[in-house]
Amino acid sequence: MKISVQEIGDVSIIALNNDFYKTKLMNPSVSSVLQRSDKLVFDMHHVKFFDSSGCGVLLTYLKTLTNSGGDLKLCRVRKSVLTLFELLRIHRIVEIFNTQEEAVRSFAD
């Protein structure tokens, strides 16, 4: 799995660029970002499919970050993926933003 990581201040943005299942989301690159940053944004613009096991991994990352005083946000989620998040009520647990800028700015609030 190829991901790109961008740092804006103390916020790390991970751009996911594929369909995601549990094994793809449990990537060593993602784990290394989690170890050095407690403010994380997943940019999901290119993700067309996300399964329920991937949601479990996402929530595990959220728990890890919140236990260390951090947080996880999502941005640019496609409608097909958003439908799954709404069905599983992930959108009530993880904040979802339309743009990277909005997600990054939300950490300052």
C-alpha atoms as a PDB file:
ATOM      1  CA  MET A   1       0.000   0.000   0.000  1.00  0.00           C
ATOM      2  CA  LYS A   2       1.295   3.424  -0.892  1.00  0.00           C
ATOM      3  CA  ILE A   3       0.458   6.335   1.357  1.00  0.00           C
ATOM      4  CA  SER A   4       1.717   9.870   1.422  1.00  0.00           C
ATOM      5  CA  VAL A   5       2.304  11.789   4.621  1.00  0.00           C
ATOM      6  CA  GLN A   6       2.258  15.555   4.908  1.00  0.00           C
ATOM      7  CA  GLU A   7       2.983  17.593   8.017  1.00  0.00           C
ATOM      8  CA  ILE A   8       1.165  20.870   8.629  1.00  0.00           C
ATOM      9  CA  GLY A   9       2.413  22.243  11.912  1.00  0.00           C
ATOM     10  CA  ASP A  10       1.933  19.483  14.477  1.00  0.00           C
ATOM     11  CA  VAL A  11      -0.758  17.698  12.415  1.00  0.00           C
ATOM     12  CA  SER A  12       0.088  14.710  10.229  1.00  0.00           C
ATOM     13  CA  ILE A  13      -2.056  14.116   7.157  1.00  0.00           C
ATOM     14  CA  ILE A  14      -2.051  10.634   5.689  1.00  0.00           C
ATOM     15  CA  ALA A  15      -3.448  10.515   2.170  1.00  0.00           C
ATOM     16  CA  LEU A  16      -4.927   7.099   1.556  1.00  0.00           C
ATOM     17  CA  ASN A  17      -4.906   6.251  -2.119  1.00  0.00           C
ATOM     18  CA  ASN A  18      -6.654   2.941  -2.516  1.00  0.00           C
ATOM     19  CA  ASP A  19      -9.536   0.803  -1.329  1.00  0.00           C
ATOM     20  CA  PHE A  20      -8.972  -0.257   2.241  1.00  0.00           C
ATOM     21  CA  TYR A  21      -9.374  -3.428   4.140  1.00  0.00           C
ATOM     22  CA  LYS A  22      -8.035  -4.246   7.590  1.00  0.00           C
ATOM     23  CA  THR A  23      -4.683  -5.538   6.345  1.00  0.00           C
ATOM     24  CA  LYS A  24      -4.026  -2.523   4.154  1.00  0.00           C
ATOM     25  CA  LEU A  25      -4.858  -0.040   6.907  1.00  0.00           C
ATOM     26  CA  MET A  26      -2.544  -1.849   9.348  1.00  0.00           C
ATOM     27  CA  ASN A  27       0.470  -0.606   7.428  1.00  0.00           C
ATOM     28  CA  PRO A  28       3.886  -0.035   9.063  1.00  0.00           C
ATOM     29  CA  SER A  29       3.952   3.472   7.542  1.00  0.00           C
ATOM     30  CA  VAL A  30       0.722   4.384   9.346  1.00  0.00           C
ATOM     31  CA  SER A  31       2.055   2.912  12.605  1.00  0.00           C
ATOM     32  CA  SER A  32       5.224   4.973  12.372  1.00  0.00           C
ATOM     33  CA  VAL A  33       3.185   8.173  11.924  1.00  0.00           C
ATOM     34  CA  LEU A  34       1.100   7.236  14.988  1.00  0.00           C
ATOM     35  CA  GLN A  35       4.285   6.940  17.044  1.00  0.00           C
ATOM     36  CA  ARG A  36       5.468  10.454  16.225  1.00  0.00           C
ATOM     37  CA  SER A  37       2.217  12.415  15.959  1.00  0.00           C
ATOM     38  CA  ASP A  38      -0.827  12.667  18.197  1.00  0.00           C
ATOM     39  CA  LYS A  39      -2.872  14.719  15.708  1.00  0.00           C
ATOM     40  CA  LEU A  40      -3.764  12.738  12.627  1.00  0.00           C
ATOM     41  CA  VAL A  41      -5.948  13.363   9.582  1.00  0.00           C
ATOM     42  CA  PHE A  42      -6.800  10.631   7.096  1.00  0.00           C
ATOM     43  CA  ASP A  43      -7.459  12.164   3.672  1.00  0.00           C
ATOM     44  CA  MET A  44      -9.769   9.661   2.004  1.00  0.00           C
ATOM     45  CA  HIS A  45     -10.308  11.399  -1.344  1.00  0.00           C
ATOM     46  CA  HIS A  46      -9.120   8.391  -3.387  1.00  0.00           C
ATOM     47  CA  VAL A  47     -10.773   5.678  -1.282  1.00  0.00           C
ATOM     48  CA  LYS A  48     -13.800   4.207  -3.049  1.00  0.00           C
ATOM     49  CA  PHE A  49     -14.307   1.221  -0.757  1.00  0.00           C
ATOM     50  CA  PHE A  50     -13.742   0.776   2.959  1.00  0.00           C
ATOM     51  CA  ASP A  51     -14.855  -2.367   4.778  1.00  0.00           C
ATOM     52  CA  SER A  52     -16.059  -2.864   8.345  1.00  0.00           C
ATOM     53  CA  SER A  53     -12.786  -4.427   9.481  1.00  0.00           C
ATOM     54  CA  GLY A  54     -11.033  -1.269   8.251  1.00  0.00           C
ATOM     55  CA  CYS A  55     -13.451   0.695  10.460  1.00  0.00           C
ATOM     56  CA  GLY A  56     -12.284  -1.410  13.395  1.00  0.00           C
ATOM     57  CA  VAL A  57      -8.672  -0.520  12.683  1.00  0.00           C
ATOM     58  CA  LEU A  58      -9.612   3.145  12.314  1.00  0.00           C
ATOM     59  CA  LEU A  59     -11.272   3.065  15.744  1.00  0.00           C
ATOM     60  CA  THR A  60      -8.202   1.337  17.212  1.00  0.00           C
ATOM     61  CA  TYR A  61      -6.058   4.185  15.892  1.00  0.00           C
ATOM     62  CA  LEU A  62      -8.517   6.690  17.364  1.00  0.00           C
ATOM     63  CA  LYS A  63      -8.334   4.987  20.765  1.00  0.00           C
ATOM     64  CA  THR A  64      -4.533   4.948  20.669  1.00  0.00           C
ATOM     65  CA  LEU A  65      -4.438   8.652  19.854  1.00  0.00           C
ATOM     66  CA  THR A  66      -7.063   9.724  22.410  1.00  0.00           C
ATOM     67  CA  ASN A  67      -5.288   7.726  25.136  1.00  0.00           C
ATOM     68  CA  SER A  68      -2.208   9.870  24.497  1.00  0.00           C
ATOM     69  CA  GLY A  69      -4.180  13.128  24.378  1.00  0.00           C
ATOM     70  CA  GLY A  70      -4.460  13.255  20.596  1.00  0.00           C
ATOM     71  CA  ASP A  71      -7.215  12.859  18.056  1.00  0.00           C
ATOM     72  CA  LEU A  72      -7.990  11.501  14.605  1.00  0.00           C
ATOM     73  CA  LYS A  73     -10.058  13.254  11.942  1.00  0.00           C
ATOM     74  CA  LEU A  74     -11.150  12.318   8.437  1.00  0.00           C
ATOM     75  CA  CYS A  75     -11.493  14.491   5.375  1.00  0.00           C
ATOM     76  CA  ARG A  76     -12.675  14.299   1.780  1.00  0.00           C
ATOM     77  CA  VAL A  77     -14.658  11.105   2.324  1.00  0.00           C
ATOM     78  CA  ARG A  78     -16.489   9.859  -0.770  1.00  0.00           C
ATOM     79  CA  LYS A  79     -20.220   9.299  -0.566  1.00  0.00           C
ATOM     80  CA  SER A  80     -19.896   5.502  -0.880  1.00  0.00           C
ATOM     81  CA  VAL A  81     -17.562   5.354   2.126  1.00  0.00           C
ATOM     82  CA  LEU A  82     -19.558   7.958   4.052  1.00  0.00           C
ATOM     83  CA  THR A  83     -22.627   5.746   3.684  1.00  0.00           C
ATOM     84  CA  LEU A  84     -20.788   2.921   5.482  1.00  0.00           C
ATOM     85  CA  PHE A  85     -19.568   5.318   8.183  1.00  0.00           C
ATOM     86  CA  GLU A  86     -23.128   6.531   8.719  1.00  0.00           C
ATOM     87  CA  LEU A  87     -24.490   2.981   8.823  1.00  0.00           C
ATOM     88  CA  LEU A  88     -21.899   2.022  11.463  1.00  0.00           C
ATOM     89  CA  ARG A  89     -22.226   5.448  13.138  1.00  0.00           C
ATOM     90  CA  ILE A  90     -18.515   6.120  12.759  1.00  0.00           C
ATOM     91  CA  HIS A  91     -19.389   9.721  11.847  1.00  0.00           C
ATOM     92  CA  ARG A  92     -20.591  10.186  15.441  1.00  0.00           C
ATOM     93  CA  ILE A  93     -17.218   9.129  16.824  1.00  0.00           C
ATOM     94  CA  VAL A  94     -14.749  10.528  14.286  1.00  0.00           C
ATOM     95  CA  GLU A  95     -15.111  14.057  12.956  1.00  0.00           C
ATOM     96  CA  ILE A  96     -15.358  14.247   9.168  1.00  0.00           C
ATOM     97  CA  PHE A  97     -14.464  17.386   7.210  1.00  0.00           C
ATOM     98  CA  ASN A  98     -14.826  18.415   3.577  1.00  0.00           C
ATOM     99  CA  THR A  99     -11.227  19.639   3.197  1.00  0.00           C
ATOM    100  CA  GLN A 100      -7.794  19.032   4.682  1.00  0.00           C
ATOM    101  CA  GLU A 101      -7.656  22.667   5.752  1.00  0.00           C
ATOM    102  CA  GLU A 102     -10.879  22.367   7.772  1.00  0.00           C
ATOM    103  CA  ALA A 103      -9.626  19.194   9.444  1.00  0.00           C
ATOM    104  CA  VAL A 104      -6.269  20.715  10.365  1.00  0.00           C
ATOM    105  CA  ARG A 105      -7.904  23.931  11.597  1.00  0.00           C
ATOM    106  CA  SER A 106     -10.254  21.907  13.844  1.00  0.00           C
ATOM    107  CA  PHE A 107      -7.309  20.872  16.024  1.00  0.00           C
ATOM    108  CA  ALA A 108      -6.866  24.524  17.038  1.00  0.00           C
ATOM    109  CA  ASP A 109     -10.461  24.833  18.262  1.00  0.00           C
END
